[in-house]
């Protein structure tokens, strides 16, 4: 993976410029999660499992980025479990 700052739930690159930073309950930006994963001070899908996030990531990479399925699967399975949200 590159050295971009990434969402610690889904791995999406984060940037104020992209306007994709998550938000705290007071509306202030959160620097470690994207708006799709964290908004209003909470995870948008708090019951989501690691396996569900991996599947969602594979679907996004193949549909939105036209990445080959095997490449997306390998990347998601190696990277998503290392993110802060999925550490126990």
PDB file of N, CA and C in Angstrom:
ATOM      1  N   UNK A   1       0.851  -1.200   0.000  1.00  0.00           N
ATOM      2  CA  UNK A   1       0.000   0.000   0.000  1.00  0.00           C
ATOM      3  C   UNK A   1       0.883   1.245   0.000  1.00  0.00           C
ATOM      4  N   UNK A   2       0.374   2.296  -0.544  1.00  0.00           N
ATOM      5  CA  UNK A   2       1.106   3.553  -0.578  1.00  0.00           C
ATOM      6  C   UNK A   2       1.081   4.226   0.795  1.00  0.00           C
ATOM      7  N   UNK A   3       1.672   5.394   0.896  1.00  0.00           N
ATOM      8  CA  UNK A   3       1.779   6.085   2.174  1.00  0.00           C
ATOM      9  C   UNK A   3       0.664   7.094   2.423  1.00  0.00           C
ATOM     10  N   UNK A   4      -0.437   7.001   1.692  1.00  0.00           N
ATOM     11  CA  UNK A   4      -1.557   7.911   1.898  1.00  0.00           C
ATOM     12  C   UNK A   4      -2.200   7.652   3.256  1.00  0.00           C
ATOM     13  N   UNK A   5      -2.774   8.705   3.835  1.00  0.00           N
ATOM     14  CA  UNK A   5      -3.556   8.539   5.055  1.00  0.00           C
ATOM     15  C   UNK A   5      -4.844   7.841   4.651  1.00  0.00           C
ATOM     16  N   UNK A   6      -5.178   6.767   5.351  1.00  0.00           N
ATOM     17  CA  UNK A   6      -6.313   5.944   4.968  1.00  0.00           C
ATOM     18  C   UNK A   6      -7.296   5.756   6.113  1.00  0.00           C
ATOM     19  N   UNK A   7      -8.558   5.582   5.751  1.00  0.00           N
ATOM     20  CA  UNK A   7      -9.606   5.280   6.722  1.00  0.00           C
ATOM     21  C   UNK A   7      -9.220   4.008   7.459  1.00  0.00           C
ATOM     22  N   UNK A   8      -9.319   4.045   8.770  1.00  0.00           N
ATOM     23  CA  UNK A   8      -8.949   2.907   9.594  1.00  0.00           C
ATOM     24  C   UNK A   8     -10.091   1.913   9.759  1.00  0.00           C
ATOM     25  N   UNK A   9     -11.065   1.995   8.869  1.00  0.00           N
ATOM     26  CA  UNK A   9     -12.149   1.021   8.811  1.00  0.00           C
ATOM     27  C   UNK A   9     -12.182   0.343   7.443  1.00  0.00           C
ATOM     28  N   UNK A  10     -12.137   1.147   6.362  1.00  0.00           N
ATOM     29  CA  UNK A  10     -12.269   0.583   5.008  1.00  0.00           C
ATOM     30  C   UNK A  10     -11.017   0.704   4.158  1.00  0.00           C
ATOM     31  N   UNK A  11     -10.078   1.574   4.535  1.00  0.00           N
ATOM     32  CA  UNK A  11      -8.846   1.742   3.779  1.00  0.00           C
ATOM     33  C   UNK A  11      -8.871   2.820   2.715  1.00  0.00           C
ATOM     34  N   UNK A  12      -9.991   3.525   2.563  1.00  0.00           N
ATOM     35  CA  UNK A  12     -10.092   4.593   1.568  1.00  0.00           C
ATOM     36  C   UNK A  12      -9.099   5.718   1.895  1.00  0.00           C
ATOM     37  N   UNK A  13      -8.434   6.276   0.864  1.00  0.00           N
ATOM     38  CA  UNK A  13      -7.577   7.443   1.117  1.00  0.00           C
ATOM     39  C   UNK A  13      -8.415   8.596   1.699  1.00  0.00           C
ATOM     40  N   UNK A  14      -7.861   9.285   2.694  1.00  0.00           N
ATOM     41  CA  UNK A  14      -8.567  10.378   3.368  1.00  0.00           C
ATOM     42  C   UNK A  14      -7.924  11.714   3.045  1.00  0.00           C
ATOM     43  N   UNK A  15      -8.768  12.736   2.885  1.00  0.00           N
ATOM     44  CA  UNK A  15      -8.266  14.076   2.640  1.00  0.00           C
ATOM     45  C   UNK A  15      -9.373  15.092   2.856  1.00  0.00           C
ATOM     46  N   UNK A  16      -9.044  16.197   3.510  1.00  0.00           N
ATOM     47  CA  UNK A  16     -10.010  17.294   3.614  1.00  0.00           C
ATOM     48  C   UNK A  16     -10.353  17.787   2.210  1.00  0.00           C
ATOM     49  N   UNK A  17      -9.362  17.755   1.320  1.00  0.00           N
ATOM     50  CA  UNK A  17      -9.558  18.179  -0.064  1.00  0.00           C
ATOM     51  C   UNK A  17     -10.628  17.326  -0.761  1.00  0.00           C
ATOM     52  N   UNK A  18     -10.651  16.029  -0.473  1.00  0.00           N
ATOM     53  CA  UNK A  18     -11.660  15.133  -1.047  1.00  0.00           C
ATOM     54  C   UNK A  18     -13.015  15.328  -0.379  1.00  0.00           C
ATOM     55  N   UNK A  19     -13.018  15.940   0.819  1.00  0.00           N
ATOM     56  CA  UNK A  19     -14.260  16.121   1.561  1.00  0.00           C
ATOM     57  C   UNK A  19     -14.827  14.815   2.086  1.00  0.00           C
ATOM     58  N   UNK A  20     -13.939  13.865   2.369  1.00  0.00           N
ATOM     59  CA  UNK A  20     -14.426  12.552   2.788  1.00  0.00           C
ATOM     60  C   UNK A  20     -14.068  12.180   4.223  1.00  0.00           C
ATOM     61  N   UNK A  21     -13.691  13.160   5.042  1.00  0.00           N
ATOM     62  CA  UNK A  21     -13.396  12.869   6.443  1.00  0.00           C
ATOM     63  C   UNK A  21     -14.679  12.615   7.214  1.00  0.00           C
ATOM     64  N   UNK A  22     -14.636  11.619   8.092  1.00  0.00           N
ATOM     65  CA  UNK A  22     -15.766  11.359   8.975  1.00  0.00           C
ATOM     66  C   UNK A  22     -15.966  12.531   9.923  1.00  0.00           C
ATOM     67  N   UNK A  23     -17.045  12.470  10.701  1.00  0.00           N
ATOM     68  CA  UNK A  23     -17.342  13.580  11.612  1.00  0.00           C
ATOM     69  C   UNK A  23     -17.645  13.088  13.024  1.00  0.00           C
ATOM     70  N   UNK A  24     -17.272  13.928  13.986  1.00  0.00           N
ATOM     71  CA  UNK A  24     -17.646  13.718  15.380  1.00  0.00           C
ATOM     72  C   UNK A  24     -19.097  14.133  15.576  1.00  0.00           C
ATOM     73  N   UNK A  25     -19.632  13.902  16.768  1.00  0.00           N
ATOM     74  CA  UNK A  25     -21.017  14.270  17.071  1.00  0.00           C
ATOM     75  C   UNK A  25     -21.254  15.763  16.884  1.00  0.00           C
ATOM     76  N   UNK A  26     -20.234  16.586  17.134  1.00  0.00           N
ATOM     77  CA  UNK A  26     -20.379  18.039  16.988  1.00  0.00           C
ATOM     78  C   UNK A  26     -20.145  18.526  15.553  1.00  0.00           C
ATOM     79  N   UNK A  27     -19.903  17.584  14.630  1.00  0.00           N
ATOM     80  CA  UNK A  27     -19.688  17.941  13.231  1.00  0.00           C
ATOM     81  C   UNK A  27     -18.242  18.197  12.856  1.00  0.00           C
ATOM     82  N   UNK A  28     -17.360  18.212  13.840  1.00  0.00           N
ATOM     83  CA  UNK A  28     -15.946  18.416  13.543  1.00  0.00           C
ATOM     84  C   UNK A  28     -15.372  17.178  12.840  1.00  0.00           C
ATOM     85  N   UNK A  29     -14.355  17.391  12.006  1.00  0.00           N
ATOM     86  CA  UNK A  29     -13.808  16.268  11.245  1.00  0.00           C
ATOM     87  C   UNK A  29     -13.043  15.272  12.111  1.00  0.00           C
ATOM     88  N   UNK A  30     -13.077  14.028  11.682  1.00  0.00           N
ATOM     89  CA  UNK A  30     -12.329  12.940  12.308  1.00  0.00           C
ATOM     90  C   UNK A  30     -11.222  12.569  11.325  1.00  0.00           C
ATOM     91  N   UNK A  31      -9.999  12.527  11.790  1.00  0.00           N
ATOM     92  CA  UNK A  31      -8.883  12.298  10.873  1.00  0.00           C
ATOM     93  C   UNK A  31      -8.594  10.831  10.579  1.00  0.00           C
ATOM     94  N   UNK A  32      -9.242   9.902  11.265  1.00  0.00           N
ATOM     95  CA  UNK A  32      -8.890   8.496  11.033  1.00  0.00           C
ATOM     96  C   UNK A  32      -9.960   7.657  10.328  1.00  0.00           C
ATOM     97  N   UNK A  33     -11.131   8.243  10.079  1.00  0.00           N
ATOM     98  CA  UNK A  33     -12.195   7.493   9.407  1.00  0.00           C
ATOM     99  C   UNK A  33     -12.844   8.337   8.311  1.00  0.00           C
ATOM    100  N   UNK A  34     -13.334   7.658   7.279  1.00  0.00           N
ATOM    101  CA  UNK A  34     -14.034   8.366   6.202  1.00  0.00           C
ATOM    102  C   UNK A  34     -15.506   8.569   6.571  1.00  0.00           C
ATOM    103  N   UNK A  35     -16.154   9.460   5.857  1.00  0.00           N
ATOM    104  CA  UNK A  35     -17.556   9.788   6.104  1.00  0.00           C
ATOM    105  C   UNK A  35     -18.478   8.602   5.821  1.00  0.00           C
ATOM    106  N   UNK A  36     -18.033   7.674   4.996  1.00  0.00           N
ATOM    107  CA  UNK A  36     -18.862   6.502   4.694  1.00  0.00           C
ATOM    108  C   UNK A  36     -18.861   5.497   5.843  1.00  0.00           C
ATOM    109  N   UNK A  37     -17.797   5.521   6.643  1.00  0.00           N
ATOM    110  CA  UNK A  37     -17.679   4.593   7.771  1.00  0.00           C
ATOM    111  C   UNK A  37     -18.041   5.230   9.113  1.00  0.00           C
ATOM    112  N   UNK A  38     -17.850   6.559   9.239  1.00  0.00           N
ATOM    113  CA  UNK A  38     -18.002   7.207  10.541  1.00  0.00           C
ATOM    114  C   UNK A  38     -18.608   8.595  10.365  1.00  0.00           C
ATOM    115  N   UNK A  39     -19.783   8.818  10.925  1.00  0.00           N
ATOM    116  CA  UNK A  39     -20.452  10.114  10.800  1.00  0.00           C
ATOM    117  C   UNK A  39     -21.226  10.409  12.083  1.00  0.00           C
ATOM    118  N   UNK A  40     -21.206  11.657  12.497  1.00  0.00           N
ATOM    119  CA  UNK A  40     -21.941  12.056  13.689  1.00  0.00           C
ATOM    120  C   UNK A  40     -21.441  11.410  14.962  1.00  0.00           C
ATOM    121  N   UNK A  41     -20.164  11.033  14.975  1.00  0.00           N
ATOM    122  CA  UNK A  41     -19.566  10.467  16.178  1.00  0.00           C
ATOM    123  C   UNK A  41     -19.730   8.967  16.336  1.00  0.00           C
ATOM    124  N   UNK A  42     -20.212   8.289  15.299  1.00  0.00           N
ATOM    125  CA  UNK A  42     -20.441   6.844  15.383  1.00  0.00           C
ATOM    126  C   UNK A  42     -20.165   6.172  14.045  1.00  0.00           C
ATOM    127  N   UNK A  43     -19.898   4.879  14.092  1.00  0.00           N
ATOM    128  CA  UNK A  43     -19.779   4.124  12.853  1.00  0.00           C
ATOM    129  C   UNK A  43     -21.133   4.091  12.164  1.00  0.00           C
ATOM    130  N   UNK A  44     -21.136   4.231  10.859  1.00  0.00           N
ATOM    131  CA  UNK A  44     -22.391   4.237  10.097  1.00  0.00           C
ATOM    132  C   UNK A  44     -23.023   2.849  10.064  1.00  0.00           C
ATOM    133  N   UNK A  45     -22.214   1.823  10.218  1.00  0.00           N
ATOM    134  CA  UNK A  45     -22.707   0.451  10.275  1.00  0.00           C
ATOM    135  C   UNK A  45     -21.990  -0.242  11.436  1.00  0.00           C
ATOM    136  N   UNK A  46     -22.413   0.044  12.680  1.00  0.00           N
ATOM    137  CA  UNK A  46     -21.684  -0.450  13.844  1.00  0.00           C
ATOM    138  C   UNK A  46     -21.644  -1.971  13.975  1.00  0.00           C
ATOM    139  N   UNK A  47     -22.600  -2.667  13.400  1.00  0.00           N
ATOM    140  CA  UNK A  47     -22.630  -4.131  13.511  1.00  0.00           C
ATOM    141  C   UNK A  47     -21.853  -4.820  12.387  1.00  0.00           C
ATOM    142  N   UNK A  48     -21.298  -4.049  11.468  1.00  0.00           N
ATOM    143  CA  UNK A  48     -20.580  -4.633  10.343  1.00  0.00           C
ATOM    144  C   UNK A  48     -19.408  -5.478  10.840  1.00  0.00           C
ATOM    145  N   UNK A  49     -19.242  -6.640  10.245  1.00  0.00           N
ATOM    146  CA  UNK A  49     -18.143  -7.528  10.609  1.00  0.00           C
ATOM    147  C   UNK A  49     -16.952  -7.292   9.693  1.00  0.00           C
ATOM    148  N   UNK A  50     -15.812  -7.790  10.095  1.00  0.00           N
ATOM    149  CA  UNK A  50     -14.614  -7.706   9.259  1.00  0.00           C
ATOM    150  C   UNK A  50     -14.872  -8.378   7.909  1.00  0.00           C
ATOM    151  N   UNK A  51     -15.507  -9.526   7.926  1.00  0.00           N
ATOM    152  CA  UNK A  51     -15.787 -10.250   6.683  1.00  0.00           C
ATOM    153  C   UNK A  51     -16.689  -9.433   5.756  1.00  0.00           C
ATOM    154  N   UNK A  52     -17.679  -8.751   6.318  1.00  0.00           N
ATOM    155  CA  UNK A  52     -18.555  -7.900   5.517  1.00  0.00           C
ATOM    156  C   UNK A  52     -17.788  -6.723   4.918  1.00  0.00           C
ATOM    157  N   UNK A  53     -16.871  -6.143   5.698  1.00  0.00           N
ATOM    158  CA  UNK A  53     -16.070  -5.029   5.179  1.00  0.00           C
ATOM    159  C   UNK A  53     -15.159  -5.508   4.057  1.00  0.00           C
ATOM    160  N   UNK A  54     -14.568  -6.675   4.216  1.00  0.00           N
ATOM    161  CA  UNK A  54     -13.711  -7.216   3.160  1.00  0.00           C
ATOM    162  C   UNK A  54     -14.520  -7.419   1.888  1.00  0.00           C
ATOM    163  N   UNK A  55     -15.706  -7.993   1.995  1.00  0.00           N
ATOM    164  CA  UNK A  55     -16.550  -8.213   0.820  1.00  0.00           C
ATOM    165  C   UNK A  55     -16.945  -6.896   0.159  1.00  0.00           C
ATOM    166  N   UNK A  56     -17.309  -5.911   0.969  1.00  0.00           N
ATOM    167  CA  UNK A  56     -17.675  -4.594   0.452  1.00  0.00           C
ATOM    168  C   UNK A  56     -16.490  -3.958  -0.277  1.00  0.00           C
ATOM    169  N   UNK A  57     -15.323  -4.099   0.290  1.00  0.00           N
ATOM    170  CA  UNK A  57     -14.115  -3.548  -0.318  1.00  0.00           C
ATOM    171  C   UNK A  57     -13.830  -4.210  -1.665  1.00  0.00           C
ATOM    172  N   UNK A  58     -13.971  -5.525  -1.721  1.00  0.00           N
ATOM    173  CA  UNK A  58     -13.765  -6.252  -2.981  1.00  0.00           C
ATOM    174  C   UNK A  58     -14.746  -5.746  -4.030  1.00  0.00           C
ATOM    175  N   UNK A  59     -16.004  -5.598  -3.650  1.00  0.00           N
ATOM    176  CA  UNK A  59     -17.022  -5.108  -4.589  1.00  0.00           C
ATOM    177  C   UNK A  59     -16.695  -3.708  -5.081  1.00  0.00           C
ATOM    178  N   UNK A  60     -16.259  -2.824  -4.172  1.00  0.00           N
ATOM    179  CA  UNK A  60     -15.911  -1.457  -4.574  1.00  0.00           C
ATOM    180  C   UNK A  60     -14.719  -1.433  -5.528  1.00  0.00           C
ATOM    181  N   UNK A  61     -13.701  -2.225  -5.209  1.00  0.00           N
ATOM    182  CA  UNK A  61     -12.511  -2.222  -6.069  1.00  0.00           C
ATOM    183  C   UNK A  61     -12.798  -2.803  -7.448  1.00  0.00           C
ATOM    184  N   UNK A  62     -13.634  -3.832  -7.522  1.00  0.00           N
ATOM    185  CA  UNK A  62     -13.924  -4.429  -8.830  1.00  0.00           C
ATOM    186  C   UNK A  62     -14.901  -3.582  -9.627  1.00  0.00           C
ATOM    187  N   UNK A  63     -15.908  -3.017  -8.971  1.00  0.00           N
ATOM    188  CA  UNK A  63     -16.915  -2.215  -9.679  1.00  0.00           C
ATOM    189  C   UNK A  63     -16.433  -0.803  -9.989  1.00  0.00           C
ATOM    190  N   UNK A  64     -15.908  -0.110  -8.989  1.00  0.00           N
ATOM    191  CA  UNK A  64     -15.537   1.293  -9.160  1.00  0.00           C
ATOM    192  C   UNK A  64     -14.160   1.481  -9.799  1.00  0.00           C
ATOM    193  N   UNK A  65     -13.236   0.595  -9.486  1.00  0.00           N
ATOM    194  CA  UNK A  65     -11.863   0.746  -9.978  1.00  0.00           C
ATOM    195  C   UNK A  65     -11.512  -0.248 -11.083  1.00  0.00           C
ATOM    196  N   UNK A  66     -12.465  -1.100 -11.452  1.00  0.00           N
ATOM    197  CA  UNK A  66     -12.257  -2.121 -12.477  1.00  0.00           C
ATOM    198  C   UNK A  66     -11.033  -2.998 -12.190  1.00  0.00           C
ATOM    199  N   UNK A  67     -10.779  -3.267 -10.923  1.00  0.00           N
ATOM    200  CA  UNK A  67      -9.682  -4.131 -10.536  1.00  0.00           C
ATOM    201  C   UNK A  67     -10.114  -5.589 -10.733  1.00  0.00           C
ATOM    202  N   UNK A  68      -9.235  -6.448 -11.207  1.00  0.00           N
ATOM    203  CA  UNK A  68      -9.577  -7.865 -11.320  1.00  0.00           C
ATOM    204  C   UNK A  68      -9.958  -8.450  -9.950  1.00  0.00           C
ATOM    205  N   UNK A  69     -10.931  -9.349  -9.936  1.00  0.00           N
ATOM    206  CA  UNK A  69     -11.467  -9.895  -8.686  1.00  0.00           C
ATOM    207  C   UNK A  69     -10.379 -10.516  -7.817  1.00  0.00           C
ATOM    208  N   UNK A  70      -9.518 -11.315  -8.388  1.00  0.00           N
ATOM    209  CA  UNK A  70      -8.480 -11.985  -7.583  1.00  0.00           C
ATOM    210  C   UNK A  70      -7.524 -10.968  -6.954  1.00  0.00           C
ATOM    211  N   UNK A  71      -7.191  -9.922  -7.685  1.00  0.00           N
ATOM    212  CA  UNK A  71      -6.324  -8.878  -7.156  1.00  0.00           C
ATOM    213  C   UNK A  71      -7.028  -8.139  -6.024  1.00  0.00           C
ATOM    214  N   UNK A  72      -8.300  -7.801  -6.213  1.00  0.00           N
ATOM    215  CA  UNK A  72      -9.079  -7.110  -5.175  1.00  0.00           C
ATOM    216  C   UNK A  72      -9.214  -7.979  -3.937  1.00  0.00           C
ATOM    217  N   UNK A  73      -9.472  -9.262  -4.133  1.00  0.00           N
ATOM    218  CA  UNK A  73      -9.625 -10.183  -3.000  1.00  0.00           C
ATOM    219  C   UNK A  73      -8.319 -10.280  -2.206  1.00  0.00           C
ATOM    220  N   UNK A  74      -7.205 -10.418  -2.895  1.00  0.00           N
ATOM    221  CA  UNK A  74      -5.908 -10.521  -2.226  1.00  0.00           C
ATOM    222  C   UNK A  74      -5.590  -9.242  -1.453  1.00  0.00           C
ATOM    223  N   UNK A  75      -5.827  -8.102  -2.076  1.00  0.00           N
ATOM    224  CA  UNK A  75      -5.556  -6.820  -1.424  1.00  0.00           C
ATOM    225  C   UNK A  75      -6.436  -6.622  -0.201  1.00  0.00           C
ATOM    226  N   UNK A  76      -7.735  -6.853  -0.350  1.00  0.00           N
ATOM    227  CA  UNK A  76      -8.665  -6.660   0.771  1.00  0.00           C
ATOM    228  C   UNK A  76      -8.341  -7.596   1.926  1.00  0.00           C
ATOM    229  N   UNK A  77      -8.067  -8.853   1.632  1.00  0.00           N
ATOM    230  CA  UNK A  77      -7.786  -9.822   2.693  1.00  0.00           C
ATOM    231  C   UNK A  77      -6.462  -9.568   3.403  1.00  0.00           C
ATOM    232  N   UNK A  78      -5.522  -8.937   2.726  1.00  0.00           N
ATOM    233  CA  UNK A  78      -4.235  -8.653   3.373  1.00  0.00           C
ATOM    234  C   UNK A  78      -4.218  -7.304   4.087  1.00  0.00           C
ATOM    235  N   UNK A  79      -5.032  -6.336   3.615  1.00  0.00           N
ATOM    236  CA  UNK A  79      -4.954  -4.979   4.144  1.00  0.00           C
ATOM    237  C   UNK A  79      -6.039  -4.631   5.164  1.00  0.00           C
ATOM    238  N   UNK A  80      -7.290  -4.945   4.895  1.00  0.00           N
ATOM    239  CA  UNK A  80      -8.395  -4.542   5.774  1.00  0.00           C
ATOM    240  C   UNK A  80      -8.200  -5.039   7.213  1.00  0.00           C
ATOM    241  N   UNK A  81      -7.780  -6.292   7.427  1.00  0.00           N
ATOM    242  CA  UNK A  81      -7.613  -6.753   8.814  1.00  0.00           C
ATOM    243  C   UNK A  81      -6.548  -6.000   9.611  1.00  0.00           C
ATOM    244  N   UNK A  82      -5.661  -5.263   8.941  1.00  0.00           N
ATOM    245  CA  UNK A  82      -4.603  -4.520   9.649  1.00  0.00           C
ATOM    246  C   UNK A  82      -5.079  -3.161  10.144  1.00  0.00           C
ATOM    247  N   UNK A  83      -6.261  -2.720   9.711  1.00  0.00           N
ATOM    248  CA  UNK A  83      -6.764  -1.390  10.078  1.00  0.00           C
ATOM    249  C   UNK A  83      -7.252  -1.357  11.519  1.00  0.00           C
ATOM    250  N   UNK A  84      -7.124  -0.186  12.141  1.00  0.00           N
ATOM    251  CA  UNK A  84      -7.396   0.001  13.570  1.00  0.00           C
ATOM    252  C   UNK A  84      -8.764  -0.534  14.005  1.00  0.00           C
ATOM    253  N   UNK A  85      -9.803  -0.304  13.222  1.00  0.00           N
ATOM    254  CA  UNK A  85     -11.139  -0.750  13.631  1.00  0.00           C
ATOM    255  C   UNK A  85     -11.207  -2.256  13.846  1.00  0.00           C
ATOM    256  N   UNK A  86     -10.409  -3.008  13.126  1.00  0.00           N
ATOM    257  CA  UNK A  86     -10.524  -4.461  13.146  1.00  0.00           C
ATOM    258  C   UNK A  86      -9.506  -5.123  14.073  1.00  0.00           C
ATOM    259  N   UNK A  87      -8.767  -4.335  14.806  1.00  0.00           N
ATOM    260  CA  UNK A  87      -7.807  -4.881  15.770  1.00  0.00           C
ATOM    261  C   UNK A  87      -8.526  -5.186  17.088  1.00  0.00           C
ATOM    262  N   UNK A  88      -8.281  -6.333  17.639  1.00  0.00           N
ATOM    263  CA  UNK A  88      -8.906  -6.694  18.933  1.00  0.00           C
ATOM    264  C   UNK A  88      -7.866  -6.861  19.999  1.00  0.00           C
TER     265      UNK A  88
END
